[in-house]
Amino acid sequence: MGKVTIAFVLVIVLLLVGGGIFLALWNPPAPTAPVEKVLPDARFPK
């Protein structure tokens, strides 16, 4: 493989690893709006 191909693959791998680390360490804020949804009784078994 050529040096350009190796460099391209290395950049892709570094981006994937960096993205994985970012997603593993990122603490997204919890939603602040309350969610209220009415579930009909017909959805639950008797």
PDB file of N, CA and C in Angstrom:
ATOM      1  N   MET A   1       0.842  -1.182   0.000  1.00  0.00           N
ATOM      2  CA  MET A   1       0.000   0.000   0.000  1.00  0.00           C
ATOM      3  C   MET A   1       0.886   1.244   0.000  1.00  0.00           C
ATOM      4  N   GLY A   2       0.375   2.266  -0.614  1.00  0.00           N
ATOM      5  CA  GLY A   2       1.131   3.512  -0.683  1.00  0.00           C
ATOM      6  C   GLY A   2       1.058   4.292   0.619  1.00  0.00           C
ATOM      7  N   LYS A   3       1.945   5.243   0.739  1.00  0.00           N
ATOM      8  CA  LYS A   3       1.986   6.055   1.957  1.00  0.00           C
ATOM      9  C   LYS A   3       0.718   6.886   2.116  1.00  0.00           C
ATOM     10  N   VAL A   4       0.148   7.317   1.006  1.00  0.00           N
ATOM     11  CA  VAL A   4      -1.080   8.114   1.080  1.00  0.00           C
ATOM     12  C   VAL A   4      -2.229   7.257   1.598  1.00  0.00           C
ATOM     13  N   THR A   5      -2.320   6.024   1.145  1.00  0.00           N
ATOM     14  CA  THR A   5      -3.373   5.124   1.595  1.00  0.00           C
ATOM     15  C   THR A   5      -3.226   4.820   3.076  1.00  0.00           C
ATOM     16  N   ILE A   6      -2.017   4.569   3.522  1.00  0.00           N
ATOM     17  CA  ILE A   6      -1.775   4.292   4.941  1.00  0.00           C
ATOM     18  C   ILE A   6      -2.137   5.515   5.781  1.00  0.00           C
ATOM     19  N   ALA A   7      -1.777   6.698   5.320  1.00  0.00           N
ATOM     20  CA  ALA A   7      -2.111   7.924   6.045  1.00  0.00           C
ATOM     21  C   ALA A   7      -3.622   8.120   6.098  1.00  0.00           C
ATOM     22  N   PHE A   8      -4.312   7.849   5.000  1.00  0.00           N
ATOM     23  CA  PHE A   8      -5.768   7.985   4.955  1.00  0.00           C
ATOM     24  C   PHE A   8      -6.435   7.020   5.925  1.00  0.00           C
ATOM     25  N   VAL A   9      -6.008   5.774   5.942  1.00  0.00           N
ATOM     26  CA  VAL A   9      -6.565   4.776   6.861  1.00  0.00           C
ATOM     27  C   VAL A   9      -6.273   5.174   8.303  1.00  0.00           C
ATOM     28  N   LEU A  10      -5.094   5.685   8.572  1.00  0.00           N
ATOM     29  CA  LEU A  10      -4.731   6.116   9.921  1.00  0.00           C
ATOM     30  C   LEU A  10      -5.616   7.273  10.385  1.00  0.00           C
ATOM     31  N   VAL A  11      -5.891   8.217   9.507  1.00  0.00           N
ATOM     32  CA  VAL A  11      -6.765   9.342   9.859  1.00  0.00           C
ATOM     33  C   VAL A  11      -8.176   8.844  10.158  1.00  0.00           C
ATOM     34  N   ILE A  12      -8.690   7.930   9.356  1.00  0.00           N
ATOM     35  CA  ILE A  12     -10.028   7.374   9.584  1.00  0.00           C
ATOM     36  C   ILE A  12     -10.087   6.651  10.924  1.00  0.00           C
ATOM     37  N   VAL A  13      -9.078   5.843  11.228  1.00  0.00           N
ATOM     38  CA  VAL A  13      -9.043   5.112  12.499  1.00  0.00           C
ATOM     39  C   VAL A  13      -8.981   6.087  13.671  1.00  0.00           C
ATOM     40  N   LEU A  14      -8.162   7.128  13.562  1.00  0.00           N
ATOM     41  CA  LEU A  14      -8.067   8.115  14.639  1.00  0.00           C
ATOM     42  C   LEU A  14      -9.388   8.848  14.839  1.00  0.00           C
ATOM     43  N   LEU A  15     -10.091   9.162  13.760  1.00  0.00           N
ATOM     44  CA  LEU A  15     -11.399   9.804  13.882  1.00  0.00           C
ATOM     45  C   LEU A  15     -12.407   8.887  14.567  1.00  0.00           C
ATOM     46  N   LEU A  16     -12.398   7.616  14.211  1.00  0.00           N
ATOM     47  CA  LEU A  16     -13.324   6.667  14.834  1.00  0.00           C
ATOM     48  C   LEU A  16     -13.024   6.487  16.319  1.00  0.00           C
ATOM     49  N   VAL A  17     -11.751   6.355  16.658  1.00  0.00           N
ATOM     50  CA  VAL A  17     -11.372   6.194  18.063  1.00  0.00           C
ATOM     51  C   VAL A  17     -11.703   7.463  18.844  1.00  0.00           C
ATOM     52  N   GLY A  18     -11.401   8.619  18.284  1.00  0.00           N
ATOM     53  CA  GLY A  18     -11.711   9.881  18.948  1.00  0.00           C
ATOM     54  C   GLY A  18     -13.208  10.060  19.146  1.00  0.00           C
ATOM     55  N   GLY A  19     -13.993   9.714  18.149  1.00  0.00           N
ATOM     56  CA  GLY A  19     -15.452   9.791  18.277  1.00  0.00           C
ATOM     57  C   GLY A  19     -15.983   8.843  19.335  1.00  0.00           C
ATOM     58  N   GLY A  20     -15.424   7.646  19.398  1.00  0.00           N
ATOM     59  CA  GLY A  20     -15.842   6.692  20.428  1.00  0.00           C
ATOM     60  C   GLY A  20     -15.513   7.178  21.823  1.00  0.00           C
ATOM     61  N   ILE A  21     -14.327   7.750  21.992  1.00  0.00           N
ATOM     62  CA  ILE A  21     -13.943   8.290  23.303  1.00  0.00           C
ATOM     63  C   ILE A  21     -14.846   9.466  23.666  1.00  0.00           C
ATOM     64  N   PHE A  22     -15.137  10.325  22.698  1.00  0.00           N
ATOM     65  CA  PHE A  22     -16.024  11.461  22.957  1.00  0.00           C
ATOM     66  C   PHE A  22     -17.399  10.982  23.410  1.00  0.00           C
ATOM     67  N   LEU A  23     -17.971  10.006  22.720  1.00  0.00           N
ATOM     68  CA  LEU A  23     -19.294   9.510  23.096  1.00  0.00           C
ATOM     69  C   LEU A  23     -19.271   8.796  24.441  1.00  0.00           C
ATOM     70  N   ALA A  24     -18.155   8.149  24.776  1.00  0.00           N
ATOM     71  CA  ALA A  24     -18.062   7.448  26.054  1.00  0.00           C
ATOM     72  C   ALA A  24     -17.949   8.417  27.224  1.00  0.00           C
ATOM     73  N   LEU A  25     -17.307   9.558  27.007  1.00  0.00           N
ATOM     74  CA  LEU A  25     -17.063  10.494  28.105  1.00  0.00           C
ATOM     75  C   LEU A  25     -18.050  11.655  28.154  1.00  0.00           C
ATOM     76  N   TRP A  26     -18.821  11.872  27.098  1.00  0.00           N
ATOM     77  CA  TRP A  26     -19.731  13.009  27.039  1.00  0.00           C
ATOM     78  C   TRP A  26     -20.912  12.770  27.955  1.00  0.00           C
ATOM     79  N   ASN A  27     -21.252  13.758  28.756  1.00  0.00           N
ATOM     80  CA  ASN A  27     -22.385  13.658  29.669  1.00  0.00           C
ATOM     81  C   ASN A  27     -23.460  14.623  29.179  1.00  0.00           C
ATOM     82  N   PRO A  28     -24.359  14.148  28.303  1.00  0.00           N
ATOM     83  CA  PRO A  28     -25.366  15.058  27.742  1.00  0.00           C
ATOM     84  C   PRO A  28     -26.351  15.502  28.822  1.00  0.00           C
ATOM     85  N   PRO A  29     -26.869  16.708  28.723  1.00  0.00           N
ATOM     86  CA  PRO A  29     -27.831  17.174  29.721  1.00  0.00           C
ATOM     87  C   PRO A  29     -29.151  16.414  29.611  1.00  0.00           C
ATOM     88  N   ALA A  30     -29.756  16.175  30.761  1.00  0.00           N
ATOM     89  CA  ALA A  30     -31.041  15.479  30.787  1.00  0.00           C
ATOM     90  C   ALA A  30     -32.133  16.425  30.290  1.00  0.00           C
ATOM     91  N   PRO A  31     -33.185  15.884  29.695  1.00  0.00           N
ATOM     92  CA  PRO A  31     -34.278  16.744  29.248  1.00  0.00           C
ATOM     93  C   PRO A  31     -34.938  17.440  30.443  1.00  0.00           C
ATOM     94  N   THR A  32     -35.263  18.706  30.284  1.00  0.00           N
ATOM     95  CA  THR A  32     -35.832  19.470  31.393  1.00  0.00           C
ATOM     96  C   THR A  32     -37.348  19.553  31.327  1.00  0.00           C
ATOM     97  N   ALA A  33     -37.939  19.284  30.186  1.00  0.00           N
ATOM     98  CA  ALA A  33     -39.393  19.358  30.058  1.00  0.00           C
ATOM     99  C   ALA A  33     -40.023  18.040  30.499  1.00  0.00           C
ATOM    100  N   PRO A  34     -41.025  18.095  31.383  1.00  0.00           N
ATOM    101  CA  PRO A  34     -41.697  16.854  31.788  1.00  0.00           C
ATOM    102  C   PRO A  34     -42.508  16.278  30.629  1.00  0.00           C
ATOM    103  N   VAL A  35     -42.596  14.961  30.602  1.00  0.00           N
ATOM    104  CA  VAL A  35     -43.346  14.270  29.552  1.00  0.00           C
ATOM    105  C   VAL A  35     -44.561  13.623  30.194  1.00  0.00           C
ATOM    106  N   GLU A  36     -45.730  13.985  29.704  1.00  0.00           N
ATOM    107  CA  GLU A  36     -46.969  13.380  30.198  1.00  0.00           C
ATOM    108  C   GLU A  36     -47.713  12.807  29.005  1.00  0.00           C
ATOM    109  N   LYS A  37     -47.981  11.509  29.067  1.00  0.00           N
ATOM    110  CA  LYS A  37     -48.678  10.853  27.976  1.00  0.00           C
ATOM    111  C   LYS A  37     -49.716   9.916  28.580  1.00  0.00           C
ATOM    112  N   VAL A  38     -50.932   9.994  28.085  1.00  0.00           N
ATOM    113  CA  VAL A  38     -52.014   9.143  28.574  1.00  0.00           C
ATOM    114  C   VAL A  38     -51.995   7.850  27.779  1.00  0.00           C
ATOM    115  N   LEU A  39     -51.902   6.734  28.505  1.00  0.00           N
ATOM    116  CA  LEU A  39     -51.919   5.418  27.867  1.00  0.00           C
ATOM    117  C   LEU A  39     -53.305   4.813  28.057  1.00  0.00           C
ATOM    118  N   PRO A  40     -53.951   4.411  26.973  1.00  0.00           N
ATOM    119  CA  PRO A  40     -55.289   3.832  27.119  1.00  0.00           C
ATOM    120  C   PRO A  40     -55.230   2.462  27.791  1.00  0.00           C
ATOM    121  N   ASP A  41     -56.301   2.141  28.527  1.00  0.00           N
ATOM    122  CA  ASP A  41     -56.360   0.859  29.236  1.00  0.00           C
ATOM    123  C   ASP A  41     -56.373  -0.329  28.278  1.00  0.00           C
ATOM    124  N   ALA A  42     -56.789  -0.124  27.043  1.00  0.00           N
ATOM    125  CA  ALA A  42     -56.875  -1.223  26.078  1.00  0.00           C
ATOM    126  C   ALA A  42     -55.494  -1.771  25.726  1.00  0.00           C
ATOM    127  N   ARG A  43     -54.450  -1.026  25.978  1.00  0.00           N
ATOM    128  CA  ARG A  43     -53.102  -1.495  25.638  1.00  0.00           C
ATOM    129  C   ARG A  43     -52.573  -2.508  26.637  1.00  0.00           C
ATOM    130  N   PHE A  44     -53.163  -2.580  27.824  1.00  0.00           N
ATOM    131  CA  PHE A  44     -52.651  -3.457  28.873  1.00  0.00           C
ATOM    132  C   PHE A  44     -53.492  -4.732  28.954  1.00  0.00           C
ATOM    133  N   PRO A  45     -52.834  -5.868  29.143  1.00  0.00           N
ATOM    134  CA  PRO A  45     -53.597  -7.122  29.256  1.00  0.00           C
ATOM    135  C   PRO A  45     -54.377  -7.160  30.569  1.00  0.00           C
ATOM    136  N   LYS A  46     -55.475  -7.897  30.537  1.00  0.00           N
ATOM    137  CA  LYS A  46     -56.314  -8.021  31.745  1.00  0.00           C
ATOM    138  C   LYS A  46     -56.008  -9.278  32.500  1.00  0.00           C
TER     139      LYS A  46
END
